[in-house]
PDB file of N, CA and C in Angstrom:
ATOM      1  N   MET A   1     118.818 142.906  14.614  1.00  0.00           N
ATOM      2  CA  MET A   1     118.398 142.833  12.614  1.00  0.00           C
ATOM      3  C   MET A   1     119.688 142.287  12.155  1.00  0.00           C
ATOM      4  N   ILE A   2     120.633 141.857  12.194  1.00  0.00           N
ATOM      5  CA  ILE A   2     121.242 141.353  11.630  1.00  0.00           C
ATOM      6  C   ILE A   2     121.706 139.527  11.260  1.00  0.00           C
ATOM      7  N   GLU A   3     120.707 138.909  12.188  1.00  0.00           N
ATOM      8  CA  GLU A   3     120.065 137.549  12.172  1.00  0.00           C
ATOM      9  C   GLU A   3     118.806 137.593  10.868  1.00  0.00           C
ATOM     10  N   LEU A   4     118.122 139.031  10.879  1.00  0.00           N
ATOM     11  CA  LEU A   4     117.057 138.655   9.891  1.00  0.00           C
ATOM     12  C   LEU A   4     117.862 139.227   8.750  1.00  0.00           C
ATOM     13  N   ALA A   5     118.568 139.771   8.559  1.00  0.00           N
ATOM     14  CA  ALA A   5     119.512 139.963   6.881  1.00  0.00           C
ATOM     15  C   ALA A   5     120.258 138.784   6.655  1.00  0.00           C
ATOM     16  N   ASP A   6     120.873 137.995   7.521  1.00  0.00           N
ATOM     17  CA  ASP A   6     121.316 136.798   7.528  1.00  0.00           C
ATOM     18  C   ASP A   6     120.304 135.673   7.103  1.00  0.00           C
ATOM     19  N   SER A   7     119.377 136.066   7.744  1.00  0.00           N
ATOM     20  CA  SER A   7     117.973 134.670   7.057  1.00  0.00           C
ATOM     21  C   SER A   7     117.679 135.235   5.821  1.00  0.00           C
ATOM     22  N   LEU A   8     117.309 136.558   5.046  1.00  0.00           N
ATOM     23  CA  LEU A   8     117.082 136.634   3.824  1.00  0.00           C
ATOM     24  C   LEU A   8     118.473 136.577   2.952  1.00  0.00           C
ATOM     25  N   ASP A   9     119.632 136.657   3.093  1.00  0.00           N
ATOM     26  CA  ASP A   9     120.943 136.072   2.831  1.00  0.00           C
ATOM     27  C   ASP A   9     120.159 134.870   2.105  1.00  0.00           C
ATOM     28  N   GLN A  10     120.122 133.699   2.836  1.00  0.00           N
ATOM     29  CA  GLN A  10     119.767 132.491   2.614  1.00  0.00           C
ATOM     30  C   GLN A  10     118.632 132.382   1.922  1.00  0.00           C
ATOM     31  N   ASP A  11     117.497 132.716   2.155  1.00  0.00           N
ATOM     32  CA  ASP A  11     116.178 132.630   1.635  1.00  0.00           C
ATOM     33  C   ASP A  11     116.715 133.621  -0.242  1.00  0.00           C
ATOM     34  N   LEU A  12     117.359 133.926  -0.221  1.00  0.00           N
ATOM     35  CA  LEU A  12     117.352 134.579  -1.655  1.00  0.00           C
ATOM     36  C   LEU A  12     118.350 133.460  -2.412  1.00  0.00           C
ATOM     37  N   ALA A  13     119.363 132.605  -1.205  1.00  0.00           N
ATOM     38  CA  ALA A  13     120.191 131.609  -2.155  1.00  0.00           C
ATOM     39  C   ALA A  13     119.189 130.550  -2.311  1.00  0.00           C
ATOM     40  N   ASP A  14     118.428 130.443  -1.288  1.00  0.00           N
ATOM     41  CA  ASP A  14     117.612 129.760  -2.037  1.00  0.00           C
ATOM     42  C   ASP A  14     116.778 129.392  -3.119  1.00  0.00           C
ATOM     43  N   MET A  15     116.360 130.883  -3.049  1.00  0.00           N
ATOM     44  CA  MET A  15     115.567 131.089  -4.236  1.00  0.00           C
ATOM     45  C   MET A  15     116.375 131.072  -5.859  1.00  0.00           C
ATOM     46  N   ARG A  16     117.532 131.417  -5.690  1.00  0.00           N
ATOM     47  CA  ARG A  16     118.316 131.712  -6.807  1.00  0.00           C
ATOM     48  C   ARG A  16     118.047 130.208  -7.205  1.00  0.00           C
ATOM     49  N   GLN A  17     118.710 129.225  -6.520  1.00  0.00           N
ATOM     50  CA  GLN A  17     118.641 127.427  -6.546  1.00  0.00           C
ATOM     51  C   GLN A  17     117.188 127.389  -7.686  1.00  0.00           C
ATOM     52  N   MET A  18     116.045 127.952  -7.048  1.00  0.00           N
ATOM     53  CA  MET A  18     115.077 127.358  -7.362  1.00  0.00           C
ATOM     54  C   MET A  18     114.853 128.353  -8.921  1.00  0.00           C
ATOM     55  N   ILE A  19     115.024 129.544  -8.968  1.00  0.00           N
ATOM     56  CA  ILE A  19     115.129 130.093 -10.405  1.00  0.00           C
ATOM     57  C   ILE A  19     115.737 129.153 -11.293  1.00  0.00           C
ATOM     58  N   ALA A  20     116.811 128.745 -10.722  1.00  0.00           N
ATOM     59  CA  ALA A  20     117.645 127.847 -11.440  1.00  0.00           C
ATOM     60  C   ALA A  20     116.984 126.105 -12.604  1.00  0.00           C
ATOM     61  N   ALA A  21     116.101 125.839 -11.460  1.00  0.00           N
ATOM     62  CA  ALA A  21     115.927 124.753 -11.595  1.00  0.00           C
ATOM     63  C   ALA A  21     114.508 124.743 -12.314  1.00  0.00           C
ATOM     64  N   TYR A  22     114.060 126.210 -11.782  1.00  0.00           N
ATOM     65  CA  TYR A  22     112.853 126.390 -12.848  1.00  0.00           C
ATOM     66  C   TYR A  22     112.914 126.739 -14.555  1.00  0.00           C
ATOM     67  N   ASP A  23     114.734 127.302 -14.407  1.00  0.00           N
ATOM     68  CA  ASP A  23     114.982 127.787 -16.002  1.00  0.00           C
ATOM     69  C   ASP A  23     114.707 126.431 -16.664  1.00  0.00           C
ATOM     70  N   ASP A  24     115.413 125.260 -16.350  1.00  0.00           N
ATOM     71  CA  ASP A  24     115.840 124.073 -17.065  1.00  0.00           C
ATOM     72  C   ASP A  24     113.763 123.461 -17.096  1.00  0.00           C
ATOM     73  N   ALA A  25     113.107 123.288 -16.286  1.00  0.00           N
ATOM     74  CA  ALA A  25     111.788 122.742 -16.050  1.00  0.00           C
ATOM     75  C   ALA A  25     110.644 123.115 -17.117  1.00  0.00           C
ATOM     76  N   VAL A  26     110.647 124.734 -16.853  1.00  0.00           N
ATOM     77  CA  VAL A  26     109.643 125.574 -17.663  1.00  0.00           C
ATOM     78  C   VAL A  26     110.087 125.391 -19.201  1.00  0.00           C
ATOM     79  N   THR A  27     110.845 124.357 -19.966  1.00  0.00           N
ATOM     80  CA  THR A  27     111.124 124.575 -21.039  1.00  0.00           C
ATOM     81  C   THR A  27     110.563 122.782 -21.371  1.00  0.00           C
ATOM     82  N   MET A  28     109.891 122.399 -20.453  1.00  0.00           N
ATOM     83  CA  MET A  28     109.944 120.459 -20.284  1.00  0.00           C
ATOM     84  C   MET A  28     108.589 120.058 -19.681  1.00  0.00           C
ATOM     85  N   PRO A  29     107.983 119.053 -20.271  1.00  0.00           N
ATOM     86  CA  PRO A  29     106.430 118.685 -19.744  1.00  0.00           C
ATOM     87  C   PRO A  29     106.936 118.199 -18.618  1.00  0.00           C
ATOM     88  N   GLY A  30     105.550 117.873 -17.704  1.00  0.00           N
ATOM     89  CA  GLY A  30     105.971 117.918 -16.047  1.00  0.00           C
ATOM     90  C   GLY A  30     106.168 115.969 -16.285  1.00  0.00           C
ATOM     91  N   ARG A  31     107.251 115.871 -14.854  1.00  0.00           N
ATOM     92  CA  ARG A  31     107.684 114.004 -15.021  1.00  0.00           C
ATOM     93  C   ARG A  31     106.446 113.276 -15.087  1.00  0.00           C
ATOM     94  N   VAL A  32     105.969 112.136 -15.460  1.00  0.00           N
ATOM     95  CA  VAL A  32     104.796 111.506 -15.136  1.00  0.00           C
ATOM     96  C   VAL A  32     105.530 110.096 -14.527  1.00  0.00           C
ATOM     97  N   PRO A  33     104.634 109.336 -13.810  1.00  0.00           N
ATOM     98  CA  PRO A  33     105.046 108.028 -13.905  1.00  0.00           C
ATOM     99  C   PRO A  33     105.297 107.036 -15.243  1.00  0.00           C
ATOM    100  N   ASP A  34     105.742 106.189 -14.929  1.00  0.00           N
ATOM    101  CA  ASP A  34     106.322 105.070 -16.195  1.00  0.00           C
ATOM    102  C   ASP A  34     105.091 104.275 -16.138  1.00  0.00           C
ATOM    103  N   VAL A  35     104.236 104.186 -15.624  1.00  0.00           N
ATOM    104  CA  VAL A  35     102.921 103.422 -15.580  1.00  0.00           C
ATOM    105  C   VAL A  35     101.829 103.945 -15.788  1.00  0.00           C
ATOM    106  N   ASP A  36     100.657 103.424 -16.477  1.00  0.00           N
ATOM    107  CA  ASP A  36      99.631 103.680 -16.753  1.00  0.00           C
ATOM    108  C   ASP A  36      99.035 103.806 -15.633  1.00  0.00           C
ATOM    109  N   ALA A  37      97.723 104.307 -16.118  1.00  0.00           N
ATOM    110  CA  ALA A  37      96.552 103.736 -15.060  1.00  0.00           C
ATOM    111  C   ALA A  37      95.610 102.349 -14.873  1.00  0.00           C
ATOM    112  N   ASP A  38      96.151 101.044 -15.806  1.00  0.00           N
ATOM    113  CA  ASP A  38      95.777 100.127 -15.679  1.00  0.00           C
ATOM    114  C   ASP A  38      96.861  98.932 -14.810  1.00  0.00           C
ATOM    115  N   GLY A  39      98.183  99.804 -14.656  1.00  0.00           N
ATOM    116  CA  GLY A  39      99.201  99.450 -13.128  1.00  0.00           C
ATOM    117  C   GLY A  39      99.587  98.544 -14.453  1.00  0.00           C
ATOM    118  N   THR A  40      99.734  98.297 -15.951  1.00  0.00           N
ATOM    119  CA  THR A  40     100.903  97.384 -16.484  1.00  0.00           C
ATOM    120  C   THR A  40     102.102  97.622 -16.675  1.00  0.00           C
ATOM    121  N   GLY A  41     102.208  98.833 -16.591  1.00  0.00           N
ATOM    122  CA  GLY A  41     103.432  98.932 -16.262  1.00  0.00           C
ATOM    123  C   GLY A  41     104.165  99.900 -17.735  1.00  0.00           C
ATOM    124  N   ARG A  42     102.970 100.093 -18.831  1.00  0.00           N
ATOM    125  CA  ARG A  42     103.440 100.838 -19.995  1.00  0.00           C
ATOM    126  C   ARG A  42     102.437 101.945 -19.939  1.00  0.00           C
ATOM    127  N   GLN A  43     103.404 103.256 -20.568  1.00  0.00           N
ATOM    128  CA  GLN A  43     102.894 104.300 -20.618  1.00  0.00           C
ATOM    129  C   GLN A  43     101.655 104.532 -21.854  1.00  0.00           C
ATOM    130  N   ALA A  44     100.503 104.645 -21.607  1.00  0.00           N
ATOM    131  CA  ALA A  44      99.076 104.360 -22.880  1.00  0.00           C
ATOM    132  C   ALA A  44      99.575 105.395 -23.520  1.00  0.00           C
ATOM    133  N   THR A  45      99.050 104.533 -24.936  1.00  0.00           N
ATOM    134  CA  THR A  45      99.671 105.367 -26.318  1.00  0.00           C
ATOM    135  C   THR A  45      97.693 105.789 -26.352  1.00  0.00           C
ATOM    136  N   HIS A  46      98.139 107.238 -27.079  1.00  0.00           N
ATOM    137  CA  HIS A  46      96.421 108.367 -27.309  1.00  0.00           C
ATOM    138  C   HIS A  46      96.785 108.488 -28.519  1.00  0.00           C
ATOM    139  N   GLY A  47      96.700 107.871 -29.678  1.00  0.00           N
ATOM    140  CA  GLY A  47      96.953 108.309 -31.021  1.00  0.00           C
ATOM    141  C   GLY A  47      98.470 109.140 -30.828  1.00  0.00           C
ATOM    142  N   PRO A  48      98.713 110.392 -32.165  1.00  0.00           N
ATOM    143  CA  PRO A  48      99.987 110.627 -32.578  1.00  0.00           C
ATOM    144  C   PRO A  48     100.758 111.431 -31.256  1.00  0.00           C
ATOM    145  N   SER A  49     102.058 111.204 -32.106  1.00  0.00           N
ATOM    146  CA  SER A  49     102.809 111.835 -30.620  1.00  0.00           C
ATOM    147  C   SER A  49     102.539 113.445 -31.149  1.00  0.00           C
ATOM    148  N   ARG A  50     102.672 114.659 -30.130  1.00  0.00           N
ATOM    149  CA  ARG A  50     102.579 115.639 -30.485  1.00  0.00           C
ATOM    150  C   ARG A  50     103.461 116.493 -29.060  1.00  0.00           C
ATOM    151  N   PRO A  51     104.842 116.499 -29.230  1.00  0.00           N
ATOM    152  CA  PRO A  51     105.730 116.883 -27.800  1.00  0.00           C
ATOM    153  C   PRO A  51     105.740 118.425 -27.583  1.00  0.00           C
ATOM    154  N   THR A  52     105.770 119.025 -29.015  1.00  0.00           N
ATOM    155  CA  THR A  52     105.630 120.785 -28.995  1.00  0.00           C
ATOM    156  C   THR A  52     103.651 120.878 -27.937  1.00  0.00           C
ATOM    157  N   GLU A  53     102.911 120.364 -28.314  1.00  0.00           N
ATOM    158  CA  GLU A  53     101.644 120.600 -27.709  1.00  0.00           C
ATOM    159  C   GLU A  53     101.462 120.376 -26.129  1.00  0.00           C
ATOM    160  N   ARG A  54     102.239 118.719 -26.295  1.00  0.00           N
ATOM    161  CA  ARG A  54     102.113 118.393 -24.490  1.00  0.00           C
ATOM    162  C   ARG A  54     102.897 118.943 -23.832  1.00  0.00           C
ATOM    163  N   ILE A  55     103.761 119.594 -24.367  1.00  0.00           N
ATOM    164  CA  ILE A  55     104.544 120.697 -23.377  1.00  0.00           C
ATOM    165  C   ILE A  55     104.174 121.980 -23.072  1.00  0.00           C
ATOM    166  N   ALA A  56     103.936 122.354 -23.991  1.00  0.00           N
ATOM    167  CA  ALA A  56     102.516 123.880 -24.235  1.00  0.00           C
ATOM    168  C   ALA A  56     101.433 123.691 -23.209  1.00  0.00           C
ATOM    169  N   LEU A  57     100.697 122.451 -23.017  1.00  0.00           N
ATOM    170  CA  LEU A  57      99.732 122.481 -22.686  1.00  0.00           C
ATOM    171  C   LEU A  57      99.805 121.818 -20.861  1.00  0.00           C
ATOM    172  N   ASP A  58     101.169 121.310 -20.810  1.00  0.00           N
ATOM    173  CA  ASP A  58     101.443 120.370 -19.472  1.00  0.00           C
ATOM    174  C   ASP A  58     100.356 121.434 -18.286  1.00  0.00           C
ATOM    175  N   ASP A  59      99.844 121.699 -17.167  1.00  0.00           N
ATOM    176  CA  ASP A  59      98.569 122.125 -16.393  1.00  0.00           C
ATOM    177  C   ASP A  59     100.318 122.319 -15.553  1.00  0.00           C
ATOM    178  N   ARG A  60     100.899 120.933 -15.160  1.00  0.00           N
ATOM    179  CA  ARG A  60     102.011 121.221 -14.401  1.00  0.00           C
ATOM    180  C   ARG A  60     103.201 122.399 -14.294  1.00  0.00           C
ATOM    181  N   ARG A  61     103.592 122.167 -15.926  1.00  0.00           N
ATOM    182  CA  ARG A  61     104.195 122.919 -16.376  1.00  0.00           C
ATOM    183  C   ARG A  61     103.855 124.645 -16.408  1.00  0.00           C
ATOM    184  N   LEU A  62     102.407 124.683 -16.527  1.00  0.00           N
ATOM    185  CA  LEU A  62     101.975 125.893 -16.134  1.00  0.00           C
ATOM    186  C   LEU A  62     101.698 126.216 -15.260  1.00  0.00           C
ATOM    187  N   ALA A  63     101.710 125.660 -14.288  1.00  0.00           N
ATOM    188  CA  ALA A  63     101.525 125.933 -12.561  1.00  0.00           C
ATOM    189  C   ALA A  63     103.300 126.675 -12.248  1.00  0.00           C
ATOM    190  N   LEU A  64     104.053 126.165 -12.512  1.00  0.00           N
ATOM    191  CA  LEU A  64     105.828 126.302 -12.740  1.00  0.00           C
ATOM    192  C   LEU A  64     105.677 128.062 -12.933  1.00  0.00           C
ATOM    193  N   LEU A  65     105.281 128.076 -14.209  1.00  0.00           N
ATOM    194  CA  LEU A  65     105.369 129.481 -15.277  1.00  0.00           C
ATOM    195  C   LEU A  65     104.371 130.170 -13.722  1.00  0.00           C
ATOM    196  N   GLU A  66     103.597 130.121 -13.615  1.00  0.00           N
ATOM    197  CA  GLU A  66     102.728 130.831 -12.899  1.00  0.00           C
ATOM    198  C   GLU A  66     103.491 131.353 -11.290  1.00  0.00           C
ATOM    199  N   GLU A  67     103.874 130.745 -10.929  1.00  0.00           N
ATOM    200  CA  GLU A  67     105.069 130.914 -10.125  1.00  0.00           C
ATOM    201  C   GLU A  67     105.637 131.896 -10.370  1.00  0.00           C
ATOM    202  N   VAL A  68     106.421 131.957 -11.412  1.00  0.00           N
ATOM    203  CA  VAL A  68     107.686 132.201 -11.959  1.00  0.00           C
ATOM    204  C   VAL A  68     107.183 134.182 -11.777  1.00  0.00           C
ATOM    205  N   HIS A  69     105.610 133.758 -12.632  1.00  0.00           N
ATOM    206  CA  HIS A  69     105.091 135.459 -13.126  1.00  0.00           C
ATOM    207  C   HIS A  69     104.595 135.940 -11.533  1.00  0.00           C
ATOM    208  N   ARG A  70     104.107 135.315 -10.795  1.00  0.00           N
ATOM    209  CA  ARG A  70     104.353 135.736  -9.283  1.00  0.00           C
ATOM    210  C   ARG A  70     105.303 136.334  -8.572  1.00  0.00           C
ATOM    211  N   GLY A  71     106.451 135.232  -8.621  1.00  0.00           N
ATOM    212  CA  GLY A  71     107.339 135.578  -8.146  1.00  0.00           C
ATOM    213  C   GLY A  71     108.034 136.967  -8.989  1.00  0.00           C
ATOM    214  N   ALA A  72     108.176 136.925 -10.272  1.00  0.00           N
ATOM    215  CA  ALA A  72     108.816 138.263 -10.641  1.00  0.00           C
ATOM    216  C   ALA A  72     108.064 139.531 -10.633  1.00  0.00           C
ATOM    217  N   ALA A  73     106.770 139.356 -10.450  1.00  0.00           N
ATOM    218  CA  ALA A  73     105.490 140.279  -9.891  1.00  0.00           C
ATOM    219  C   ALA A  73     105.909 141.428  -8.653  1.00  0.00           C
ATOM    220  N   ALA A  74     106.439 140.197  -8.027  1.00  0.00           N
ATOM    221  CA  ALA A  74     106.626 139.955  -6.494  1.00  0.00           C
ATOM    222  C   ALA A  74     107.881 140.708  -6.219  1.00  0.00           C
ATOM    223  N   LEU A  75     109.271 140.959  -6.564  1.00  0.00           N
ATOM    224  CA  LEU A  75     110.510 140.877  -6.219  1.00  0.00           C
ATOM    225  C   LEU A  75     110.619 142.876  -6.796  1.00  0.00           C
ATOM    226  N   PRO A  76     110.414 143.081  -7.557  1.00  0.00           N
ATOM    227  CA  PRO A  76     110.803 144.622  -7.311  1.00  0.00           C
ATOM    228  C   PRO A  76     110.116 145.301  -6.306  1.00  0.00           C
ATOM    229  N   TYR A  77     109.015 144.889  -5.733  1.00  0.00           N
ATOM    230  CA  TYR A  77     108.563 145.722  -4.272  1.00  0.00           C
ATOM    231  C   TYR A  77     110.043 145.471  -3.772  1.00  0.00           C
ATOM    232  N   ALA A  78     110.058 143.668  -3.285  1.00  0.00           N
ATOM    233  CA  ALA A  78     111.178 143.663  -2.400  1.00  0.00           C
ATOM    234  C   ALA A  78     112.360 144.492  -2.277  1.00  0.00           C
ATOM    235  N   VAL A  79     112.967 144.507  -3.814  1.00  0.00           N
ATOM    236  CA  VAL A  79     114.008 145.411  -3.803  1.00  0.00           C
ATOM    237  C   VAL A  79     114.107 146.722  -3.766  1.00  0.00           C
ATOM    238  N   ALA A  80     112.855 147.738  -3.994  1.00  0.00           N
ATOM    239  CA  ALA A  80     112.798 148.517  -3.479  1.00  0.00           C
ATOM    240  C   ALA A  80     112.373 148.963  -1.851  1.00  0.00           C
ATOM    241  N   THR A  81     111.928 147.901  -0.908  1.00  0.00           N
ATOM    242  CA  THR A  81     111.530 147.950   0.563  1.00  0.00           C
ATOM    243  C   THR A  81     112.590 147.535   0.973  1.00  0.00           C
ATOM    244  N   VAL A  82     114.130 146.865   0.362  1.00  0.00           N
ATOM    245  CA  VAL A  82     115.425 147.139   1.063  1.00  0.00           C
ATOM    246  C   VAL A  82     116.324 147.990   0.562  1.00  0.00           C
ATOM    247  N   ARG A  83     116.068 148.625  -0.815  1.00  0.00           N
ATOM    248  CA  ARG A  83     116.845 149.901  -1.193  1.00  0.00           C
ATOM    249  C   ARG A  83     116.418 150.901  -0.057  1.00  0.00           C
ATOM    250  N   GLY A  84     114.760 150.995   0.004  1.00  0.00           N
ATOM    251  CA  GLY A  84     114.183 152.283   1.263  1.00  0.00           C
ATOM    252  C   GLY A  84     115.260 151.933   2.385  1.00  0.00           C
ATOM    253  N   ILE A  85     115.181 150.788   3.007  1.00  0.00           N
ATOM    254  CA  ILE A  85     115.550 150.664   4.494  1.00  0.00           C
ATOM    255  C   ILE A  85     116.777 151.035   4.126  1.00  0.00           C
ATOM    256  N   VAL A  86     117.465 150.914   3.480  1.00  0.00           N
ATOM    257  CA  VAL A  86     119.488 151.239   3.610  1.00  0.00           C
ATOM    258  C   VAL A  86     119.352 152.870   3.102  1.00  0.00           C
ATOM    259  N   ALA A  87     118.733 153.254   2.601  1.00  0.00           N
ATOM    260  CA  ALA A  87     118.367 154.686   2.603  1.00  0.00           C
ATOM    261  C   ALA A  87     118.291 155.553   3.602  1.00  0.00           C
ATOM    262  N   SER A  88     117.369 154.605   4.185  1.00  0.00           N
ATOM    263  CA  SER A  88     116.882 155.376   5.507  1.00  0.00           C
ATOM    264  C   SER A  88     117.790 155.132   6.169  1.00  0.00           C
ATOM    265  N   MET A  89     118.352 154.165   6.692  1.00  0.00           N
ATOM    266  CA  MET A  89     119.109 153.926   7.951  1.00  0.00           C
ATOM    267  C   MET A  89     120.669 154.972   7.518  1.00  0.00           C
ATOM    268  N   ASP A  90     121.148 155.048   5.738  1.00  0.00           N
ATOM    269  CA  ASP A  90     121.855 155.728   5.652  1.00  0.00           C
ATOM    270  C   ASP A  90     121.576 157.364   5.966  1.00  0.00           C
ATOM    271  N   ARG A  91     120.452 157.581   5.956  1.00  0.00           N
ATOM    272  CA  ARG A  91     120.428 159.193   6.086  1.00  0.00           C
ATOM    273  C   ARG A  91     120.201 159.202   7.637  1.00  0.00           C
ATOM    274  N   ALA A  92     119.738 158.263   8.360  1.00  0.00           N
ATOM    275  CA  ALA A  92     119.980 158.421   9.810  1.00  0.00           C
ATOM    276  C   ALA A  92     121.396 158.444  10.694  1.00  0.00           C
ATOM    277  N   LEU A  93     121.975 157.765   9.784  1.00  0.00           N
ATOM    278  CA  LEU A  93     123.245 157.731  10.314  1.00  0.00           C
ATOM    279  C   LEU A  93     124.397 158.783   9.972  1.00  0.00           C
ATOM    280  N   ALA A  94     124.040 159.348   8.664  1.00  0.00           N
ATOM    281  CA  ALA A  94     124.459 160.691   8.146  1.00  0.00           C
ATOM    282  C   ALA A  94     124.284 161.450   9.090  1.00  0.00           C
ATOM    283  N   ARG A  95     122.635 162.034   9.876  1.00  0.00           N
ATOM    284  CA  ARG A  95     122.626 162.816  10.596  1.00  0.00           C
ATOM    285  C   ARG A  95     122.879 162.711  12.042  1.00  0.00           C
ATOM    286  N   TRP A  96     123.144 161.846  12.238  1.00  0.00           N
ATOM    287  CA  TRP A  96     123.813 161.389  14.032  1.00  0.00           C
ATOM    288  C   TRP A  96     125.499 161.541  13.276  1.00  0.00           C
ATOM    289  N   GLU A  97     126.167 161.367  12.578  1.00  0.00           N
ATOM    290  CA  GLU A  97     127.334 161.446  12.299  1.00  0.00           C
ATOM    291  C   GLU A  97     127.540 163.756  12.091  1.00  0.00           C
ATOM    292  N   GLY A  98     126.446 164.179  12.367  1.00  0.00           N
ATOM    293  CA  GLY A  98     126.446 165.397  12.224  1.00  0.00           C
ATOM    294  C   GLY A  98     126.120 166.133  10.698  1.00  0.00           C
ATOM    295  N   GLU A  99     126.304 165.437  10.113  1.00  0.00           N
ATOM    296  CA  GLU A  99     125.491 165.912   8.613  1.00  0.00           C
ATOM    297  C   GLU A  99     123.954 166.413   8.114  1.00  0.00           C
ATOM    298  N   GLU A 100     123.919 167.671   7.825  1.00  0.00           N
ATOM    299  CA  GLU A 100     122.458 168.192   8.019  1.00  0.00           C
ATOM    300  C   GLU A 100     121.607 167.533   6.503  1.00  0.00           C
ATOM    301  N   PRO A 101     120.888 167.288   7.242  1.00  0.00           N
ATOM    302  CA  PRO A 101     120.107 167.115   6.248  1.00  0.00           C
ATOM    303  C   PRO A 101     119.726 167.287   4.772  1.00  0.00           C
ATOM    304  N   VAL A 102     119.650 166.481   3.664  1.00  0.00           N
ATOM    305  CA  VAL A 102     119.251 167.116   2.502  1.00  0.00           C
ATOM    306  C   VAL A 102     118.270 166.795   1.914  1.00  0.00           C
ATOM    307  N   HIS A 103     117.622 168.205   2.031  1.00  0.00           N
ATOM    308  CA  HIS A 103     116.219 168.278   1.248  1.00  0.00           C
ATOM    309  C   HIS A 103     116.272 168.190  -0.050  1.00  0.00           C
ATOM    310  N   ASP A 104     116.020 166.729  -0.879  1.00  0.00           N
ATOM    311  CA  ASP A 104     116.161 167.012  -2.584  1.00  0.00           C
ATOM    312  C   ASP A 104     114.569 167.200  -2.958  1.00  0.00           C
ATOM    313  N   THR A 105     114.868 168.570  -3.710  1.00  0.00           N
ATOM    314  CA  THR A 105     113.387 168.623  -4.364  1.00  0.00           C
ATOM    315  C   THR A 105     112.822 167.698  -5.886  1.00  0.00           C
ATOM    316  N   GLY A 106     114.248 166.803  -5.941  1.00  0.00           N
ATOM    317  CA  GLY A 106     114.120 165.662  -7.193  1.00  0.00           C
ATOM    318  C   GLY A 106     114.306 166.968  -8.784  1.00  0.00           C
ATOM    319  N   GLU A 107     115.206 168.231  -8.846  1.00  0.00           N
ATOM    320  CA  GLU A 107     114.797 168.718  -9.546  1.00  0.00           C
ATOM    321  C   GLU A 107     116.627 168.720 -10.117  1.00  0.00           C
TER     322      GLU A 107
END
């Protein structure tokens, strides 16, 4: 079980790095190559520049946001699961140490 906990620690560190990268990335448009479709080495120009609109509607940035929302929805369940495991292990250890089980009625 220690190996799994160590793996979880590493995965959480990786997730923290991703969250830090996402914090910056979700406020900017996705990166695009400097070469336009015709291969001239110039970016194509299409009317007036609208940077705010370009950022807000960028589908790559929206995909990042979708993953952030998906992760934010799943993490409370992961936290609850880990806390439940710790509480169950603590109760079993307390019982093994001779303590009487506590029957909490929630009042």
